[in-house]
Amino acid sequence: PEIFWSLTQTKNANDVLDDGARPLNLQANPDGAQVKVDLSWEVFSKDIVDYYNIYRSTSSNTGFTKINGTSTTSEQYTDDSVSDSTKYYYYVTGQTTNGTETDSTQTEAVEVFTITTLPATNINPEYATLNGEVGDPPEASTVNTFFEWGEEQGQGFPNSTIRNKVSGGSAFERTLFAEDQSIESTITASDAGDLVRPVDWDNENTGRLAAGSNDGNTYIYDTNINLSTTLTDASNEVRGVGWNKNTGGLAASAKSGEVFIYDSNLSLTNTLNDSTDIATGVEWDANTGRLAVGSWDGVIYVYDSNLNLVNTLGGFGGSVYDVAIDSNTGRICGGGSGNDLRVWDSSFSFIEENTYSSPVLSVDWDPFESRLAVVHEAVTFYGGENFNKIDYFSPRPQSRPNPKFRGCAWDPATGNLALADKKDDSYYIYTKDLDLVQILEDPSDEAVKVVWDNTNYRLAGSSADNNTYVYQHNTVLSSSTSYEFRAVGKYDGGSTIKGNTETFTTTTS
């Protein structure tokens, strides 16, 4: 007779109890208003759990101690014994009815720092200013801050303001406006005598706008777009401008190959002469203070914070038209007339090359997700640690079947994307999810470059019609209406910390 064998597995009663009582899906949410951490978790079989044990450490794999002094029977726990500016690690176990302690949840890390919502100020019929203060995060020097807000009707906080990085331990503010308008042209700066090519906002310091022109001048505008200074050191076309995010100084590159360095008072302090051809895009790294300069000689010149030349990045198939530095990883990239994009890590090790069917005219990193936009008339996106291609992007509205893009810029506040279309003389605005929301048609000649002002809700675009266009998007406030708001902070890769709630009532217009 045939004999069949089967393998069976037995599990004792304790194992079954442990499996059902083991806590799962631990969530740790810091409260920036009260300096505490709210913990919650799930369990399959609550009826076989006597209580839970909560463990905490300031190290990821050692030093865990039980922090609940009494038996905790709820699947929620508030740890109010934490300290400001500290990173904590938690896990939870269950104590079963048979007296055994279950395996733990996954370890959950959370950063604790304070966020304080301050009373609104400047409340008048036109606008109101929201105020907040952020503490020092444990693992970063800067924090992305914004406000959540909504009408005071118990509906929560359906709206949020733009995001902006501030230093830890700093106060911050945002202004909500009463005007109901979409993005529209507010100011046209017409001081240049020739094509306006590069533009850049001094977002981290004074809010000034720099616009370089083929007439050899760099025009500096104050926050109200009044011309305040004209820099005339270049003997010919200004091809790149970039504000130093740490010092408030400015770099301006020229067709002569020179790069002019100005301090925060716009006094000329240095001239860099390493480029042997036209100097083009310039970019400062906020983390290291480095300056990267592209050149038509096919090289990216990299200088340290003292403006010593520390590296030359080459291998391009032609001239370098634009450069960009990822604020999160320090990666440097450039592209140009050789139809190629080349990328290096922060240690100058080469990591990537991609080629296209047309020259690379503009590159920019998304400061939130480290996505890279590469403009080669169409647009290609890359992202992730492995620099994966995300999408090939060439929007074609029915009225504009063949746009040819020349410039790109991610909004540091919202993650929105702006593109300059040189064929149809327009600026395109997209959401962070790359949905087209608006086309701005003011230029009468090629749209060249775009840049966002992430502190005042504005976009600037340069054009071959010799003008710089400034656009504003205002939030909508109703008169005689009560609103509630709270300050929120989050640093790259860290926890979202929410502050206390404040209210204000708008006045009658």
Protein backbone atom coordinates (compact mmCIF):
# COMPACT_ATOMS: atom_id res chain seq x y z
CA PRO A 1 0.00 0.00 0.00
CA GLU A 2 1.13 3.61 -0.68
CA ILE A 3 2.13 5.59 2.35
CA PHE A 4 1.73 9.39 2.32
CA TRP A 5 3.66 11.62 4.67
CA SER A 6 2.70 15.18 5.59
CA LEU A 7 4.58 17.81 7.54
CA THR A 8 2.63 19.61 10.23
CA GLN A 9 3.64 22.56 12.38
CA THR A 10 2.49 22.95 15.93
CA LYS A 11 2.24 26.19 17.81
CA ASN A 12 1.80 26.30 21.56
CA ALA A 13 -0.81 28.37 23.30
CA ASN A 14 1.67 30.98 24.43
CA ASP A 15 2.77 31.62 20.83
CA VAL A 16 -0.84 32.09 19.72
CA LEU A 17 -1.46 34.54 22.54
CA ASP A 18 1.73 36.44 21.73
CA ASP A 19 0.79 36.80 18.07
CA GLY A 20 -2.67 38.17 18.81
CA ALA A 21 -1.51 40.50 21.55
CA ARG A 22 1.52 41.96 19.81
CA PRO A 23 1.06 45.71 19.19
CA LEU A 24 1.31 46.85 15.57
CA ASN A 25 1.51 50.07 13.55
CA LEU A 26 3.00 52.32 16.21
CA GLN A 27 2.49 56.02 15.44
CA ALA A 28 4.39 58.77 17.28
CA ASN A 29 3.16 62.34 16.81
CA PRO A 30 5.01 65.21 18.49
CA ASP A 31 3.05 68.16 19.85
CA GLY A 32 5.06 71.32 19.38
CA ALA A 33 2.71 73.42 21.49
CA GLN A 34 3.04 71.41 24.72
CA VAL A 35 6.36 69.56 24.18
CA LYS A 36 4.92 66.07 24.30
CA VAL A 37 4.58 63.00 22.08
CA ASP A 38 1.26 61.26 21.46
CA LEU A 39 1.62 57.52 20.80
CA SER A 40 -0.97 55.15 19.35
CA TRP A 41 -0.93 51.55 18.11
CA GLU A 42 -3.17 48.65 17.14
CA VAL A 43 -3.63 45.07 18.33
CA PHE A 44 -5.60 42.14 16.87
CA SER A 45 -6.85 40.48 20.07
CA LYS A 46 -7.49 43.03 22.80
CA ASP A 47 -9.21 40.47 25.03
CA ILE A 48 -5.96 38.60 25.69
CA VAL A 49 -3.93 41.70 26.62
CA ASP A 50 -3.72 42.76 30.26
CA TYR A 51 -1.76 45.94 29.57
CA TYR A 52 0.96 47.53 27.43
CA ASN A 53 4.55 48.58 28.09
CA ILE A 54 6.02 51.67 26.44
CA TYR A 55 9.80 51.92 25.99
CA ARG A 56 11.85 54.97 25.04
CA SER A 57 15.46 55.83 24.28
CA THR A 58 17.51 58.60 22.71
CA SER A 59 19.46 55.94 20.78
CA SER A 60 18.06 53.82 17.96
CA ASN A 61 19.22 50.45 19.29
CA THR A 62 20.31 50.75 22.94
CA GLY A 63 19.26 52.27 26.23
CA PHE A 64 15.51 51.64 26.05
CA THR A 65 13.68 51.98 29.37
CA LYS A 66 10.04 51.51 30.27
CA ILE A 67 8.38 54.91 30.76
CA ASN A 68 4.83 54.03 31.86
CA GLY A 69 4.87 53.72 35.64
CA THR A 70 1.38 52.23 35.88
CA SER A 71 -0.38 49.64 33.78
CA THR A 72 -1.56 51.10 30.47
CA THR A 73 -4.63 49.37 29.05
CA SER A 74 -5.43 51.85 26.29
CA GLU A 75 -3.91 51.73 22.80
CA GLN A 76 -2.87 55.35 23.28
CA TYR A 77 -0.29 57.00 25.48
CA THR A 78 1.01 60.55 25.93
CA ASP A 79 4.66 60.99 26.83
CA ASP A 80 4.88 64.40 28.49
CA SER A 81 8.33 63.87 30.02
CA VAL A 82 10.24 64.69 26.83
CA SER A 83 12.71 67.55 26.40
CA ASP A 84 12.82 70.18 23.70
CA SER A 85 15.31 69.79 20.81
CA THR A 86 15.70 66.04 21.32
CA LYS A 87 15.18 62.97 19.12
CA TYR A 88 13.47 59.96 20.72
CA TYR A 89 12.89 56.33 19.75
CA TYR A 90 9.89 54.31 20.96
CA TYR A 91 8.55 50.78 20.86
CA VAL A 92 5.58 49.12 22.59
CA THR A 93 4.98 45.55 23.84
CA GLY A 94 1.90 43.80 25.16
CA GLN A 95 1.54 41.87 28.41
CA THR A 96 -0.73 38.87 27.78
CA THR A 97 -3.17 37.26 30.17
CA ASN A 98 -0.83 34.28 30.52
CA GLY A 99 1.88 36.53 31.94
CA THR A 100 4.23 36.78 28.96
CA GLU A 101 5.48 39.92 27.24
CA THR A 102 4.95 39.97 23.48
CA ASP A 103 7.36 40.96 20.77
CA SER A 104 7.55 44.71 20.25
CA THR A 105 6.23 47.01 17.59
CA GLN A 106 8.63 48.48 15.11
CA THR A 107 10.84 51.22 16.57
CA GLU A 108 9.45 54.67 15.79
CA ALA A 109 11.67 57.75 15.74
CA VAL A 110 10.37 61.23 16.48
CA GLU A 111 11.99 64.64 16.86
CA VAL A 112 10.74 67.03 19.51
CA PHE A 113 11.05 70.79 19.22
CA THR A 114 8.71 73.65 20.01
CA ILE A 115 6.44 75.49 17.62
CA THR A 116 4.65 78.49 19.08
CA THR A 117 1.76 80.22 17.33
CA LEU A 118 1.76 83.92 18.19
CA PRO A 119 -1.18 86.35 17.85
CA ALA A 120 -1.91 87.78 14.41
CA THR A 121 -0.85 91.37 13.77
CA ASN A 122 -1.48 94.13 11.20
CA ILE A 123 -5.15 93.17 10.94
CA ASN A 124 -6.83 95.60 8.53
CA PRO A 125 -9.20 95.44 5.53
CA GLU A 126 -6.38 94.54 3.13
CA TYR A 127 -4.44 91.83 4.95
CA ALA A 128 -3.47 90.15 8.22
CA THR A 129 -0.06 88.85 9.30
CA LEU A 130 0.28 85.44 10.96
CA ASN A 131 3.18 84.99 13.38
CA GLY A 132 5.03 82.00 14.79
CA GLU A 133 8.25 80.93 16.44
CA VAL A 134 10.21 77.73 15.95
CA GLY A 135 12.58 76.06 18.40
CA ASP A 136 15.83 74.28 17.61
CA PRO A 137 15.35 70.86 15.95
CA PRO A 138 17.76 68.15 17.15
CA GLU A 139 19.18 67.23 13.74
CA ALA A 140 18.92 70.29 11.49
CA SER A 141 19.78 73.97 11.49
CA THR A 142 16.78 75.06 9.40
CA VAL A 143 13.07 74.25 9.49
CA ASN A 144 10.40 74.43 6.78
CA THR A 145 7.69 76.58 8.36
CA PHE A 146 4.15 77.44 7.33
CA PHE A 147 0.70 78.10 8.79
CA GLU A 148 -2.47 76.02 8.58
CA TRP A 149 -5.59 78.16 8.67
CA GLY A 150 -9.33 78.25 8.06
CA GLU A 151 -12.56 79.91 9.11
CA GLU A 152 -13.36 79.44 12.78
CA GLN A 153 -16.26 77.04 12.25
CA GLY A 154 -14.86 73.81 13.65
CA GLN A 155 -13.82 72.63 10.19
CA GLY A 156 -10.15 72.28 11.08
CA PHE A 157 -7.43 73.83 8.95
CA PRO A 158 -8.27 73.33 5.25
CA ASN A 159 -5.76 75.90 3.98
CA SER A 160 -2.02 76.33 4.34
CA THR A 161 0.36 79.14 3.51
CA ILE A 162 3.54 78.86 1.49
CA ARG A 163 6.52 77.13 3.09
CA ASN A 164 9.79 78.82 3.84
CA LYS A 165 12.98 77.65 5.52
CA VAL A 166 14.04 79.56 8.63
CA SER A 167 16.84 79.03 11.11
CA GLY A 168 16.06 77.11 14.29
CA GLY A 169 15.15 79.41 17.16
CA SER A 170 13.69 82.06 14.84
CA ALA A 171 10.42 83.92 14.51
CA PHE A 172 8.58 83.77 11.18
CA GLU A 173 5.48 85.26 9.60
CA ARG A 174 3.20 85.02 6.57
CA THR A 175 0.69 87.54 5.27
CA LEU A 176 -2.83 86.61 4.15
CA PHE A 177 -4.45 89.04 1.73
CA ALA A 178 -8.05 90.07 1.17
CA GLU A 179 -7.88 90.46 -2.60
CA ASP A 180 -9.51 87.65 -4.56
CA GLN A 181 -7.23 87.14 -7.53
CA SER A 182 -5.30 84.43 -9.30
CA ILE A 183 -1.71 84.91 -10.40
CA GLU A 184 -1.52 88.09 -12.46
CA SER A 185 1.11 90.57 -13.52
CA THR A 186 1.57 93.21 -10.87
CA ILE A 187 4.75 94.99 -11.93
CA THR A 188 6.82 95.22 -15.10
CA ALA A 189 10.42 96.36 -14.61
CA SER A 190 11.60 98.02 -17.82
CA ASP A 191 15.00 99.44 -16.89
CA ALA A 192 17.14 97.12 -19.03
CA GLY A 193 18.33 98.32 -22.43
CA ASP A 194 18.53 94.82 -23.89
CA LEU A 195 17.39 91.23 -23.35
CA VAL A 196 16.97 90.30 -19.67
CA ARG A 197 18.45 86.86 -19.15
CA PRO A 198 19.14 85.74 -15.55
CA VAL A 199 16.95 86.63 -12.56
CA ASP A 200 17.22 85.63 -8.89
CA TRP A 201 15.47 86.53 -5.62
CA ASP A 202 17.40 87.05 -2.39
CA ASN A 203 14.91 84.87 -0.52
CA GLU A 204 16.98 84.21 2.59
CA ASN A 205 17.98 87.79 3.42
CA THR A 206 16.59 91.03 1.98
CA GLY A 207 13.99 89.97 -0.58
CA ARG A 208 15.79 91.89 -3.34
CA LEU A 209 15.47 90.85 -6.99
CA ALA A 210 18.51 90.79 -9.31
CA ALA A 211 18.07 90.89 -13.09
CA GLY A 212 21.04 90.63 -15.47
CA SER A 213 20.85 92.04 -18.98
CA ASN A 214 22.66 91.80 -22.29
CA ASP A 215 23.31 95.53 -21.90
CA GLY A 216 26.03 94.60 -19.38
CA ASN A 217 24.19 95.76 -16.28
CA THR A 218 22.73 93.93 -13.29
CA TYR A 219 19.61 95.65 -12.00
CA ILE A 220 18.77 95.33 -8.29
CA TYR A 221 15.17 95.90 -7.17
CA ASP A 222 13.86 96.22 -3.62
CA THR A 223 10.90 94.18 -2.36
CA ASN A 224 8.49 96.68 -3.97
CA ILE A 225 10.33 96.27 -7.32
CA ASN A 226 11.72 99.77 -7.20
CA LEU A 227 15.14 99.99 -8.86
CA SER A 228 17.63 100.52 -6.03
CA THR A 229 21.05 99.80 -7.57
CA THR A 230 22.58 99.22 -11.00
CA LEU A 231 25.79 97.18 -11.09
CA THR A 232 27.91 98.16 -14.09
CA ASP A 233 31.15 96.20 -13.64
CA ALA A 234 30.56 93.81 -16.56
CA SER A 235 31.81 95.13 -19.89
CA ASN A 236 29.28 93.06 -21.84
CA GLU A 237 26.36 90.64 -21.40
CA VAL A 238 25.47 89.44 -17.89
CA ARG A 239 24.72 85.71 -18.25
CA GLY A 240 24.08 84.58 -14.66
CA VAL A 241 23.12 86.01 -11.26
CA GLY A 242 22.83 84.27 -7.91
CA TRP A 243 22.36 85.46 -4.33
CA ASN A 244 24.53 83.93 -1.61
CA LYS A 245 21.95 82.36 0.70
CA ASN A 246 24.20 82.71 3.74
CA THR A 247 25.75 86.16 3.39
CA GLY A 248 23.30 88.08 1.19
CA GLY A 249 26.06 88.75 -1.31
CA LEU A 250 25.67 88.34 -5.07
CA ALA A 251 27.56 86.65 -7.91
CA ALA A 252 27.12 87.88 -11.49
CA SER A 253 28.73 86.08 -14.43
CA ALA A 254 29.51 87.71 -17.77
CA LYS A 255 30.14 86.99 -21.43
CA SER A 256 33.77 88.01 -20.79
CA GLY A 257 34.17 84.91 -18.58
CA GLU A 258 34.48 86.99 -15.42
CA VAL A 259 32.39 86.36 -12.31
CA PHE A 260 31.85 89.45 -10.17
CA ILE A 261 31.37 88.92 -6.42
CA TYR A 262 29.53 91.51 -4.34
CA ASP A 263 28.96 91.68 -0.58
CA SER A 264 25.53 92.24 0.98
CA ASN A 265 25.96 95.99 0.47
CA LEU A 266 26.61 95.30 -3.23
CA SER A 267 30.21 96.47 -3.08
CA LEU A 268 32.48 94.59 -5.49
CA THR A 269 34.83 92.42 -3.40
CA ASN A 270 36.29 89.90 -5.86
CA THR A 271 36.45 88.96 -9.54
CA LEU A 272 36.90 85.31 -10.54
CA ASN A 273 38.75 84.76 -13.82
CA ASP A 274 39.08 80.98 -14.14
CA SER A 275 36.57 80.56 -16.97
CA THR A 276 38.22 80.76 -20.40
CA ASP A 277 34.96 81.43 -22.25
CA ILE A 278 31.50 82.85 -21.49
CA ALA A 279 30.56 82.33 -17.82
CA THR A 280 26.92 81.29 -17.55
CA GLY A 281 24.83 79.86 -14.70
CA VAL A 282 25.84 80.52 -11.08
CA GLU A 283 24.54 78.73 -7.98
CA TRP A 284 25.40 79.02 -4.27
CA ASP A 285 25.07 76.04 -1.90
CA ALA A 286 23.41 77.15 1.35
CA ASN A 287 24.88 74.22 3.29
CA THR A 288 28.56 74.48 2.37
CA GLY A 289 28.80 78.03 1.03
CA ARG A 290 30.18 76.68 -2.25
CA LEU A 291 29.73 78.54 -5.52
CA ALA A 292 29.30 76.67 -8.83
CA VAL A 293 29.83 78.50 -12.13
CA GLY A 294 29.11 77.07 -15.59
CA SER A 295 31.17 78.05 -18.62
CA TRP A 296 31.11 77.79 -22.38
CA ASP A 297 34.56 76.18 -22.09
CA GLY A 298 32.71 72.99 -21.03
CA VAL A 299 33.56 73.11 -17.33
CA ILE A 300 31.74 73.75 -14.04
CA TYR A 301 34.05 75.68 -11.70
CA VAL A 302 33.44 75.01 -7.99
CA TYR A 303 34.69 77.41 -5.31
CA ASP A 304 34.63 76.99 -1.53
CA SER A 305 33.07 79.54 0.81
CA ASN A 306 36.29 81.57 0.69
CA LEU A 307 36.14 81.57 -3.13
CA ASN A 308 39.13 79.28 -3.54
CA LEU A 309 38.80 77.10 -6.64
CA VAL A 310 38.42 73.53 -5.29
CA ASN A 311 37.33 71.54 -8.36
CA THR A 312 36.59 71.65 -12.08
CA LEU A 313 33.85 69.33 -13.31
CA GLY A 314 34.09 68.52 -17.01
CA GLY A 315 33.33 65.85 -19.58
CA PHE A 316 30.56 67.80 -21.28
CA GLY A 317 30.08 67.52 -25.02
CA GLY A 318 29.98 71.29 -25.42
CA SER A 319 29.31 74.51 -23.53
CA VAL A 320 27.68 74.49 -20.07
CA TYR A 321 24.54 76.62 -20.11
CA ASP A 322 23.21 76.13 -16.58
CA VAL A 323 24.14 74.62 -13.20
CA ALA A 324 22.18 73.64 -10.08
CA ILE A 325 22.96 72.35 -6.57
CA ASP A 326 20.56 70.11 -4.63
CA SER A 327 20.02 71.77 -1.22
CA ASN A 328 19.24 68.38 0.37
CA THR A 329 22.12 66.21 -0.88
CA GLY A 330 24.70 68.67 -2.21
CA ARG A 331 24.63 67.06 -5.66
CA ILE A 332 25.83 69.31 -8.49
CA CYS A 333 24.57 69.11 -12.06
CA GLY A 334 24.93 70.98 -15.30
CA GLY A 335 23.89 70.81 -18.92
CA GLY A 336 24.43 72.59 -22.19
CA SER A 337 25.07 72.63 -25.91
CA GLY A 338 26.28 69.01 -26.06
CA ASN A 339 22.68 67.86 -25.41
CA ASP A 340 23.91 66.32 -22.16
CA LEU A 341 23.25 66.41 -18.42
CA ARG A 342 26.03 65.46 -15.98
CA VAL A 343 25.64 64.96 -12.21
CA TRP A 344 28.16 64.70 -9.35
CA ASP A 345 27.67 63.99 -5.65
CA SER A 346 28.73 66.40 -2.90
CA SER A 347 32.22 64.84 -2.87
CA PHE A 348 32.59 65.52 -6.63
CA SER A 349 32.28 61.83 -7.57
CA PHE A 350 30.61 61.51 -10.99
CA ILE A 351 27.31 59.63 -10.74
CA GLU A 352 25.19 60.18 -13.86
CA GLU A 353 25.06 61.28 -17.48
CA ASN A 354 22.00 61.58 -19.72
CA THR A 355 21.71 62.80 -23.30
CA TYR A 356 18.84 64.32 -25.25
CA SER A 357 18.00 65.36 -28.79
CA SER A 358 18.49 69.08 -28.11
CA PRO A 359 20.64 71.29 -25.83
CA VAL A 360 20.00 71.41 -22.09
CA LEU A 361 18.98 75.00 -21.43
CA SER A 362 18.02 74.96 -17.75
CA VAL A 363 18.21 72.70 -14.68
CA ASP A 364 16.71 73.07 -11.20
CA TRP A 365 16.34 70.86 -8.11
CA ASP A 366 13.07 70.60 -6.19
CA PRO A 367 14.05 71.57 -2.59
CA PHE A 368 11.35 69.35 -1.04
CA GLU A 369 11.68 66.07 -2.91
CA SER A 370 15.07 66.46 -4.64
CA ARG A 371 13.42 66.03 -8.03
CA LEU A 372 15.53 67.41 -10.85
CA ALA A 373 13.88 69.21 -13.77
CA VAL A 374 15.92 69.22 -16.98
CA VAL A 375 14.77 71.57 -19.74
CA HIS A 376 15.78 70.60 -23.29
CA GLU A 377 12.81 72.30 -25.00
CA ALA A 378 10.75 69.51 -23.45
CA VAL A 379 11.27 68.67 -19.73
CA THR A 380 12.52 65.44 -18.12
CA PHE A 381 12.34 64.73 -14.38
CA TYR A 382 14.60 62.58 -12.20
CA GLY A 383 14.38 61.68 -8.53
CA GLY A 384 15.38 59.36 -5.71
CA GLU A 385 18.74 58.16 -4.47
CA ASN A 386 19.30 56.17 -7.67
CA PHE A 387 18.46 59.16 -9.86
CA ASN A 388 15.57 57.40 -11.60
CA LYS A 389 13.77 58.99 -14.51
CA ILE A 390 10.33 59.99 -13.25
CA ASP A 391 8.58 61.37 -16.27
CA TYR A 392 9.10 62.87 -19.70
CA PHE A 393 7.09 66.03 -19.71
CA SER A 394 5.98 68.11 -22.69
CA PRO A 395 2.53 69.61 -22.01
CA ARG A 396 0.61 70.47 -25.12
CA PRO A 397 -2.55 72.49 -24.51
CA GLN A 398 -4.76 72.46 -27.59
CA SER A 399 -4.00 76.13 -28.22
CA ARG A 400 -0.23 75.54 -27.92
CA PRO A 401 0.72 72.24 -29.53
CA ASN A 402 4.51 72.67 -29.54
CA PRO A 403 5.90 74.66 -26.62
CA LYS A 404 9.68 75.02 -26.44
CA PHE A 405 10.81 75.62 -22.90
CA ARG A 406 13.91 77.58 -22.00
CA GLY A 407 13.84 78.09 -18.22
CA CYS A 408 12.51 76.24 -15.17
CA ALA A 409 12.19 76.88 -11.42
CA TRP A 410 10.69 74.95 -8.50
CA ASP A 411 8.94 77.09 -5.89
CA PRO A 412 10.75 76.50 -2.55
CA ALA A 413 7.55 77.37 -0.71
CA THR A 414 4.92 75.21 -2.42
CA GLY A 415 6.74 72.78 -4.71
CA ASN A 416 5.01 74.33 -7.73
CA LEU A 417 6.90 74.48 -11.02
CA ALA A 418 7.28 77.41 -13.43
CA LEU A 419 8.51 77.06 -17.01
CA ALA A 420 9.49 79.75 -19.52
CA ASP A 421 8.28 79.03 -23.08
CA LYS A 422 10.52 80.67 -25.68
CA LYS A 423 8.26 79.73 -28.62
CA ASP A 424 4.99 81.22 -27.37
CA ASP A 425 6.53 83.98 -25.18
CA SER A 426 4.78 82.74 -22.05
CA TYR A 427 5.28 81.41 -18.53
CA TYR A 428 3.58 78.16 -17.52
CA ILE A 429 2.59 77.46 -13.90
CA TYR A 430 2.13 73.88 -12.63
CA THR A 431 1.23 72.42 -9.26
CA LYS A 432 3.75 70.23 -7.42
CA ASP A 433 1.93 67.26 -9.02
CA LEU A 434 2.61 68.80 -12.44
CA ASP A 435 -0.95 69.81 -13.27
CA LEU A 436 -1.07 72.89 -15.51
CA VAL A 437 -2.97 75.69 -13.76
CA GLN A 438 -2.14 78.88 -15.65
CA ILE A 439 -0.35 80.38 -18.65
CA LEU A 440 0.95 83.95 -18.30
CA GLU A 441 1.22 85.75 -21.63
CA ASP A 442 2.69 89.18 -20.88
CA PRO A 443 6.05 88.95 -22.71
CA SER A 444 6.08 90.24 -26.29
CA ASP A 445 9.24 88.26 -27.10
CA GLU A 446 10.88 85.05 -25.87
CA ALA A 447 10.37 84.13 -22.20
CA VAL A 448 13.86 83.34 -20.88
CA LYS A 449 14.16 82.55 -17.15
CA VAL A 450 11.86 82.20 -14.13
CA VAL A 451 12.48 82.37 -10.37
CA TRP A 452 10.21 82.23 -7.30
CA ASP A 453 10.09 84.60 -4.34
CA ASN A 454 9.06 82.18 -1.61
CA THR A 455 8.52 84.84 1.07
CA ASN A 456 6.13 87.16 -0.78
CA TYR A 457 4.09 84.81 -2.99
CA ARG A 458 5.71 86.02 -6.21
CA LEU A 459 7.19 84.80 -9.48
CA ALA A 460 9.64 86.76 -11.63
CA GLY A 461 10.22 86.05 -15.30
CA SER A 462 12.76 87.57 -17.69
CA SER A 463 12.19 88.15 -21.38
CA ALA A 464 13.89 89.04 -24.65
CA ASP A 465 11.56 92.07 -24.80
CA ASN A 466 13.96 93.70 -22.26
CA ASN A 467 11.47 93.44 -19.39
CA THR A 468 11.24 91.59 -16.08
CA TYR A 469 7.71 90.56 -15.13
CA VAL A 470 6.64 90.07 -11.51
CA TYR A 471 3.51 88.11 -10.65
CA GLN A 472 1.71 87.78 -7.33
CA HIS A 473 -0.73 85.20 -6.02
CA ASN A 474 -2.78 86.50 -3.11
CA THR A 475 -4.73 84.45 -0.59
CA VAL A 476 -8.40 85.30 -0.07
CA LEU A 477 -9.70 86.68 3.25
CA SER A 478 -13.28 87.78 3.83
CA SER A 479 -14.09 90.92 5.82
CA SER A 480 -15.61 90.67 9.32
CA THR A 481 -14.79 86.96 9.52
CA SER A 482 -13.15 84.94 12.29
CA TYR A 483 -10.24 82.67 11.40
CA GLU A 484 -8.13 80.20 13.33
CA PHE A 485 -4.55 79.27 12.51
CA ARG A 486 -1.56 77.40 13.86
CA ALA A 487 2.15 77.40 13.09
CA VAL A 488 3.71 74.23 11.67
CA GLY A 489 7.34 73.22 11.27
CA LYS A 490 9.08 70.36 9.50
CA TYR A 491 12.69 69.86 8.58
CA ASP A 492 13.87 67.68 5.71
CA GLY A 493 13.27 64.03 6.61
CA GLY A 494 11.95 64.95 10.06
CA SER A 495 8.70 65.07 11.95
CA THR A 496 5.89 67.55 11.36
CA ILE A 497 5.43 69.63 14.53
CA LYS A 498 2.20 71.57 15.04
CA GLY A 499 1.77 74.49 17.39
CA ASN A 500 -1.11 75.88 19.42
CA THR A 501 -4.16 77.47 17.81
CA GLU A 502 -4.73 81.23 17.66
CA THR A 503 -7.69 83.17 16.24
CA PHE A 504 -8.24 86.58 14.65
CA THR A 505 -11.17 88.45 13.11
CA THR A 506 -10.80 90.53 9.96
CA THR A 507 -12.05 94.10 9.93
CA THR A 508 -14.71 95.53 7.64
CA SER A 509 -13.50 96.85 4.30
